[in-house]
Amino acid sequence: MRPTPIYRLLGVILLGFIVALGSSYIGQMGYFYQSGQMLEWFSAIVASGIAGAVWAASFK
């Protein structure tokens, strides 16, 4: 059974949030950047975008 559209939307939002949080955390723990730097924002946006693309491709 396929999930309804609202659950798919909520799932991808939650996935993007978790991936962005993980990307920021790993980058800060690896001393790649400090909190609030542009590189942190960029890595979080790119990571959540990739996660959303993988999620969308898995339901095609």
PDB file of N, CA and C in Angstrom:
ATOM      1  N   MET A   1       0.844  -1.180   0.000  1.00  0.00           N
ATOM      2  CA  MET A   1       0.000   0.000   0.000  1.00  0.00           C
ATOM      3  C   MET A   1       0.893   1.248   0.000  1.00  0.00           C
ATOM      4  N   ARG A   2       0.613   2.154  -0.917  1.00  0.00           N
ATOM      5  CA  ARG A   2       1.388   3.402  -1.009  1.00  0.00           C
ATOM      6  C   ARG A   2       0.840   4.419  -0.035  1.00  0.00           C
ATOM      7  N   PRO A   3       1.736   5.210   0.569  1.00  0.00           N
ATOM      8  CA  PRO A   3       1.260   6.241   1.499  1.00  0.00           C
ATOM      9  C   PRO A   3       0.492   7.341   0.769  1.00  0.00           C
ATOM     10  N   THR A   4      -0.418   7.979   1.485  1.00  0.00           N
ATOM     11  CA  THR A   4      -1.183   9.075   0.897  1.00  0.00           C
ATOM     12  C   THR A   4      -0.262  10.269   0.664  1.00  0.00           C
ATOM     13  N   PRO A   5      -0.654  11.183  -0.229  1.00  0.00           N
ATOM     14  CA  PRO A   5       0.222  12.316  -0.555  1.00  0.00           C
ATOM     15  C   PRO A   5       0.642  13.160   0.653  1.00  0.00           C
ATOM     16  N   ILE A   6      -0.245  13.341   1.629  1.00  0.00           N
ATOM     17  CA  ILE A   6       0.126  14.172   2.779  1.00  0.00           C
ATOM     18  C   ILE A   6       1.213  13.492   3.600  1.00  0.00           C
ATOM     19  N   TYR A   7       1.153  12.172   3.734  1.00  0.00           N
ATOM     20  CA  TYR A   7       2.184  11.463   4.493  1.00  0.00           C
ATOM     21  C   TYR A   7       3.505  11.435   3.740  1.00  0.00           C
ATOM     22  N   ARG A   8       3.437  11.388   2.429  1.00  0.00           N
ATOM     23  CA  ARG A   8       4.670  11.469   1.645  1.00  0.00           C
ATOM     24  C   ARG A   8       5.310  12.837   1.801  1.00  0.00           C
ATOM     25  N   LEU A   9       4.505  13.887   1.806  1.00  0.00           N
ATOM     26  CA  LEU A   9       5.026  15.241   2.002  1.00  0.00           C
ATOM     27  C   LEU A   9       5.628  15.403   3.395  1.00  0.00           C
ATOM     28  N   LEU A  10       4.913  14.945   4.407  1.00  0.00           N
ATOM     29  CA  LEU A  10       5.439  15.037   5.764  1.00  0.00           C
ATOM     30  C   LEU A  10       6.697  14.196   5.933  1.00  0.00           C
ATOM     31  N   GLY A  11       6.748  13.063   5.267  1.00  0.00           N
ATOM     32  CA  GLY A  11       7.929  12.210   5.335  1.00  0.00           C
ATOM     33  C   GLY A  11       9.149  12.873   4.734  1.00  0.00           C
ATOM     34  N   VAL A  12       8.989  13.513   3.592  1.00  0.00           N
ATOM     35  CA  VAL A  12      10.133  14.165   2.951  1.00  0.00           C
ATOM     36  C   VAL A  12      10.557  15.410   3.735  1.00  0.00           C
ATOM     37  N   ILE A  13       9.638  16.094   4.371  1.00  0.00           N
ATOM     38  CA  ILE A  13       9.997  17.234   5.218  1.00  0.00           C
ATOM     39  C   ILE A  13      10.802  16.754   6.421  1.00  0.00           C
ATOM     40  N   LEU A  14      10.356  15.686   7.059  1.00  0.00           N
ATOM     41  CA  LEU A  14      11.081  15.132   8.200  1.00  0.00           C
ATOM     42  C   LEU A  14      12.452  14.616   7.780  1.00  0.00           C
ATOM     43  N   LEU A  15      12.512  13.950   6.652  1.00  0.00           N
ATOM     44  CA  LEU A  15      13.791  13.444   6.149  1.00  0.00           C
ATOM     45  C   LEU A  15      14.756  14.600   5.873  1.00  0.00           C
ATOM     46  N   GLY A  16      14.285  15.652   5.226  1.00  0.00           N
ATOM     47  CA  GLY A  16      15.124  16.814   4.942  1.00  0.00           C
ATOM     48  C   GLY A  16      15.628  17.481   6.207  1.00  0.00           C
ATOM     49  N   PHE A  17      14.771  17.570   7.215  1.00  0.00           N
ATOM     50  CA  PHE A  17      15.164  18.166   8.484  1.00  0.00           C
ATOM     51  C   PHE A  17      16.256  17.345   9.159  1.00  0.00           C
ATOM     52  N   ILE A  18      16.073  16.027   9.190  1.00  0.00           N
ATOM     53  CA  ILE A  18      17.050  15.156   9.839  1.00  0.00           C
ATOM     54  C   ILE A  18      18.385  15.189   9.106  1.00  0.00           C
ATOM     55  N   VAL A  19      18.346  15.165   7.775  1.00  0.00           N
ATOM     56  CA  VAL A  19      19.584  15.188   7.001  1.00  0.00           C
ATOM     57  C   VAL A  19      20.298  16.532   7.152  1.00  0.00           C
ATOM     58  N   ALA A  20      19.560  17.631   7.139  1.00  0.00           N
ATOM     59  CA  ALA A  20      20.177  18.955   7.323  1.00  0.00           C
ATOM     60  C   ALA A  20      20.794  19.072   8.720  1.00  0.00           C
ATOM     61  N   LEU A  21      20.094  18.568   9.719  1.00  0.00           N
ATOM     62  CA  LEU A  21      20.619  18.581  11.078  1.00  0.00           C
ATOM     63  C   LEU A  21      21.892  17.746  11.172  1.00  0.00           C
ATOM     64  N   GLY A  22      21.870  16.567  10.573  1.00  0.00           N
ATOM     65  CA  GLY A  22      23.056  15.715  10.580  1.00  0.00           C
ATOM     66  C   GLY A  22      24.218  16.329   9.845  1.00  0.00           C
ATOM     67  N   SER A  23      23.949  16.969   8.734  1.00  0.00           N
ATOM     68  CA  SER A  23      25.005  17.622   7.965  1.00  0.00           C
ATOM     69  C   SER A  23      25.655  18.741   8.770  1.00  0.00           C
ATOM     70  N   SER A  24      24.862  19.542   9.432  1.00  0.00           N
ATOM     71  CA  SER A  24      25.396  20.624  10.253  1.00  0.00           C
ATOM     72  C   SER A  24      26.197  20.072  11.428  1.00  0.00           C
ATOM     73  N   TYR A  25      25.672  19.039  12.057  1.00  0.00           N
ATOM     74  CA  TYR A  25      26.343  18.449  13.216  1.00  0.00           C
ATOM     75  C   TYR A  25      27.680  17.828  12.820  1.00  0.00           C
ATOM     76  N   ILE A  26      27.699  17.055  11.753  1.00  0.00           N
ATOM     77  CA  ILE A  26      28.934  16.412  11.306  1.00  0.00           C
ATOM     78  C   ILE A  26      29.966  17.455  10.884  1.00  0.00           C
ATOM     79  N   GLY A  27      29.536  18.487  10.193  1.00  0.00           N
ATOM     80  CA  GLY A  27      30.459  19.537   9.777  1.00  0.00           C
ATOM     81  C   GLY A  27      31.074  20.290  10.936  1.00  0.00           C
ATOM     82  N   GLN A  28      30.278  20.533  11.974  1.00  0.00           N
ATOM     83  CA  GLN A  28      30.807  21.226  13.142  1.00  0.00           C
ATOM     84  C   GLN A  28      31.710  20.320  13.972  1.00  0.00           C
ATOM     85  N   MET A  29      31.353  19.059  14.090  1.00  0.00           N
ATOM     86  CA  MET A  29      32.181  18.131  14.860  1.00  0.00           C
ATOM     87  C   MET A  29      33.491  17.812  14.122  1.00  0.00           C
ATOM     88  N   GLY A  30      33.467  17.901  12.799  1.00  0.00           N
ATOM     89  CA  GLY A  30      34.675  17.669  12.016  1.00  0.00           C
ATOM     90  C   GLY A  30      35.511  18.921  11.834  1.00  0.00           C
ATOM     91  N   TYR A  31      35.111  20.019  12.475  1.00  0.00           N
ATOM     92  CA  TYR A  31      35.820  21.308  12.395  1.00  0.00           C
ATOM     93  C   TYR A  31      35.942  21.825  10.956  1.00  0.00           C
ATOM     94  N   PHE A  32      34.926  21.537  10.129  1.00  0.00           N
ATOM     95  CA  PHE A  32      34.910  22.096   8.777  1.00  0.00           C
ATOM     96  C   PHE A  32      34.426  23.546   8.800  1.00  0.00           C
ATOM     97  N   TYR A  33      33.554  23.856   9.738  1.00  0.00           N
ATOM     98  CA  TYR A  33      33.029  25.204   9.881  1.00  0.00           C
ATOM     99  C   TYR A  33      32.442  25.380  11.272  1.00  0.00           C
ATOM    100  N   GLN A  34      32.119  26.647  11.598  1.00  0.00           N
ATOM    101  CA  GLN A  34      31.498  26.954  12.883  1.00  0.00           C
ATOM    102  C   GLN A  34      30.009  27.208  12.659  1.00  0.00           C
ATOM    103  N   SER A  35      29.276  27.233  13.744  1.00  0.00           N
ATOM    104  CA  SER A  35      27.842  27.425  13.670  1.00  0.00           C
ATOM    105  C   SER A  35      27.500  28.771  13.024  1.00  0.00           C
ATOM    106  N   GLY A  36      26.588  28.739  12.060  1.00  0.00           N
ATOM    107  CA  GLY A  36      26.109  29.960  11.421  1.00  0.00           C
ATOM    108  C   GLY A  36      26.893  30.401  10.208  1.00  0.00           C
ATOM    109  N   GLN A  37      27.961  29.729   9.866  1.00  0.00           N
ATOM    110  CA  GLN A  37      28.719  30.121   8.682  1.00  0.00           C
ATOM    111  C   GLN A  37      27.942  29.748   7.418  1.00  0.00           C
ATOM    112  N   MET A  38      28.267  30.432   6.327  1.00  0.00           N
ATOM    113  CA  MET A  38      27.576  30.177   5.066  1.00  0.00           C
ATOM    114  C   MET A  38      27.791  28.750   4.585  1.00  0.00           C
ATOM    115  N   LEU A  39      28.965  28.192   4.823  1.00  0.00           N
ATOM    116  CA  LEU A  39      29.233  26.818   4.414  1.00  0.00           C
ATOM    117  C   LEU A  39      28.324  25.830   5.137  1.00  0.00           C
ATOM    118  N   GLU A  40      27.997  26.122   6.385  1.00  0.00           N
ATOM    119  CA  GLU A  40      27.073  25.259   7.127  1.00  0.00           C
ATOM    120  C   GLU A  40      25.689  25.299   6.482  1.00  0.00           C
ATOM    121  N   TRP A  41      25.224  26.495   6.169  1.00  0.00           N
ATOM    122  CA  TRP A  41      23.911  26.622   5.529  1.00  0.00           C
ATOM    123  C   TRP A  41      23.903  25.935   4.168  1.00  0.00           C
ATOM    124  N   PHE A  42      24.959  26.129   3.407  1.00  0.00           N
ATOM    125  CA  PHE A  42      25.042  25.527   2.081  1.00  0.00           C
ATOM    126  C   PHE A  42      25.036  24.004   2.164  1.00  0.00           C
ATOM    127  N   SER A  43      25.802  23.445   3.089  1.00  0.00           N
ATOM    128  CA  SER A  43      25.850  21.986   3.209  1.00  0.00           C
ATOM    129  C   SER A  43      24.507  21.425   3.657  1.00  0.00           C
ATOM    130  N   ALA A  44      23.804  22.125   4.538  1.00  0.00           N
ATOM    131  CA  ALA A  44      22.497  21.664   4.985  1.00  0.00           C
ATOM    132  C   ALA A  44      21.477  21.707   3.845  1.00  0.00           C
ATOM    133  N   ILE A  45      21.518  22.757   3.041  1.00  0.00           N
ATOM    134  CA  ILE A  45      20.592  22.882   1.918  1.00  0.00           C
ATOM    135  C   ILE A  45      20.863  21.816   0.862  1.00  0.00           C
ATOM    136  N   VAL A  46      22.137  21.606   0.546  1.00  0.00           N
ATOM    137  CA  VAL A  46      22.491  20.602  -0.465  1.00  0.00           C
ATOM    138  C   VAL A  46      22.136  19.200   0.027  1.00  0.00           C
ATOM    139  N   ALA A  47      22.436  18.899   1.280  1.00  0.00           N
ATOM    140  CA  ALA A  47      22.150  17.570   1.826  1.00  0.00           C
ATOM    141  C   ALA A  47      20.652  17.287   1.846  1.00  0.00           C
ATOM    142  N   SER A  48      19.851  18.263   2.253  1.00  0.00           N
ATOM    143  CA  SER A  48      18.404  18.043   2.269  1.00  0.00           C
ATOM    144  C   SER A  48      17.838  17.969   0.863  1.00  0.00           C
ATOM    145  N   GLY A  49      18.418  18.698  -0.075  1.00  0.00           N
ATOM    146  CA  GLY A  49      17.975  18.602  -1.472  1.00  0.00           C
ATOM    147  C   GLY A  49      18.260  17.234  -2.067  1.00  0.00           C
ATOM    148  N   ILE A  50      19.438  16.694  -1.774  1.00  0.00           N
ATOM    149  CA  ILE A  50      19.781  15.350  -2.262  1.00  0.00           C
ATOM    150  C   ILE A  50      18.862  14.308  -1.627  1.00  0.00           C
ATOM    151  N   ALA A  51      18.594  14.449  -0.334  1.00  0.00           N
ATOM    152  CA  ALA A  51      17.693  13.511   0.335  1.00  0.00           C
ATOM    153  C   ALA A  51      16.285  13.575  -0.261  1.00  0.00           C
ATOM    154  N   GLY A  52      15.815  14.772  -0.576  1.00  0.00           N
ATOM    155  CA  GLY A  52      14.501  14.915  -1.212  1.00  0.00           C
ATOM    156  C   GLY A  52      14.454  14.307  -2.602  1.00  0.00           C
ATOM    157  N   ALA A  53      15.555  14.444  -3.341  1.00  0.00           N
ATOM    158  CA  ALA A  53      15.615  13.857  -4.690  1.00  0.00           C
ATOM    159  C   ALA A  53      15.614  12.332  -4.625  1.00  0.00           C
ATOM    160  N   VAL A  54      16.342  11.789  -3.668  1.00  0.00           N
ATOM    161  CA  VAL A  54      16.360  10.325  -3.500  1.00  0.00           C
ATOM    162  C   VAL A  54      14.997   9.833  -3.066  1.00  0.00           C
ATOM    163  N   TRP A  55      14.342  10.575  -2.183  1.00  0.00           N
ATOM    164  CA  TRP A  55      12.997  10.202  -1.717  1.00  0.00           C
ATOM    165  C   TRP A  55      12.016  10.217  -2.909  1.00  0.00           C
ATOM    166  N   ALA A  56      12.085  11.261  -3.724  1.00  0.00           N
ATOM    167  CA  ALA A  56      11.175  11.353  -4.870  1.00  0.00           C
ATOM    168  C   ALA A  56      11.452  10.257  -5.877  1.00  0.00           C
ATOM    169  N   ALA A  57      12.710   9.930  -6.090  1.00  0.00           N
ATOM    170  CA  ALA A  57      13.050   8.875  -7.032  1.00  0.00           C
ATOM    171  C   ALA A  57      12.604   7.505  -6.535  1.00  0.00           C
ATOM    172  N   SER A  58      12.557   7.325  -5.231  1.00  0.00           N
ATOM    173  CA  SER A  58      12.154   6.023  -4.700  1.00  0.00           C
ATOM    174  C   SER A  58      10.658   5.780  -4.854  1.00  0.00           C
ATOM    175  N   PHE A  59       9.859   6.817  -5.048  1.00  0.00           N
ATOM    176  CA  PHE A  59       8.410   6.669  -5.208  1.00  0.00           C
ATOM    177  C   PHE A  59       7.980   6.778  -6.670  1.00  0.00           C
ATOM    178  N   LYS A  60       8.908   6.852  -7.589  1.00  0.00           N
ATOM    179  CA  LYS A  60       8.547   6.919  -9.016  1.00  0.00           C
ATOM    180  C   LYS A  60       8.195   5.553  -9.526  1.00  0.00           C
TER     181      LYS A  60
END
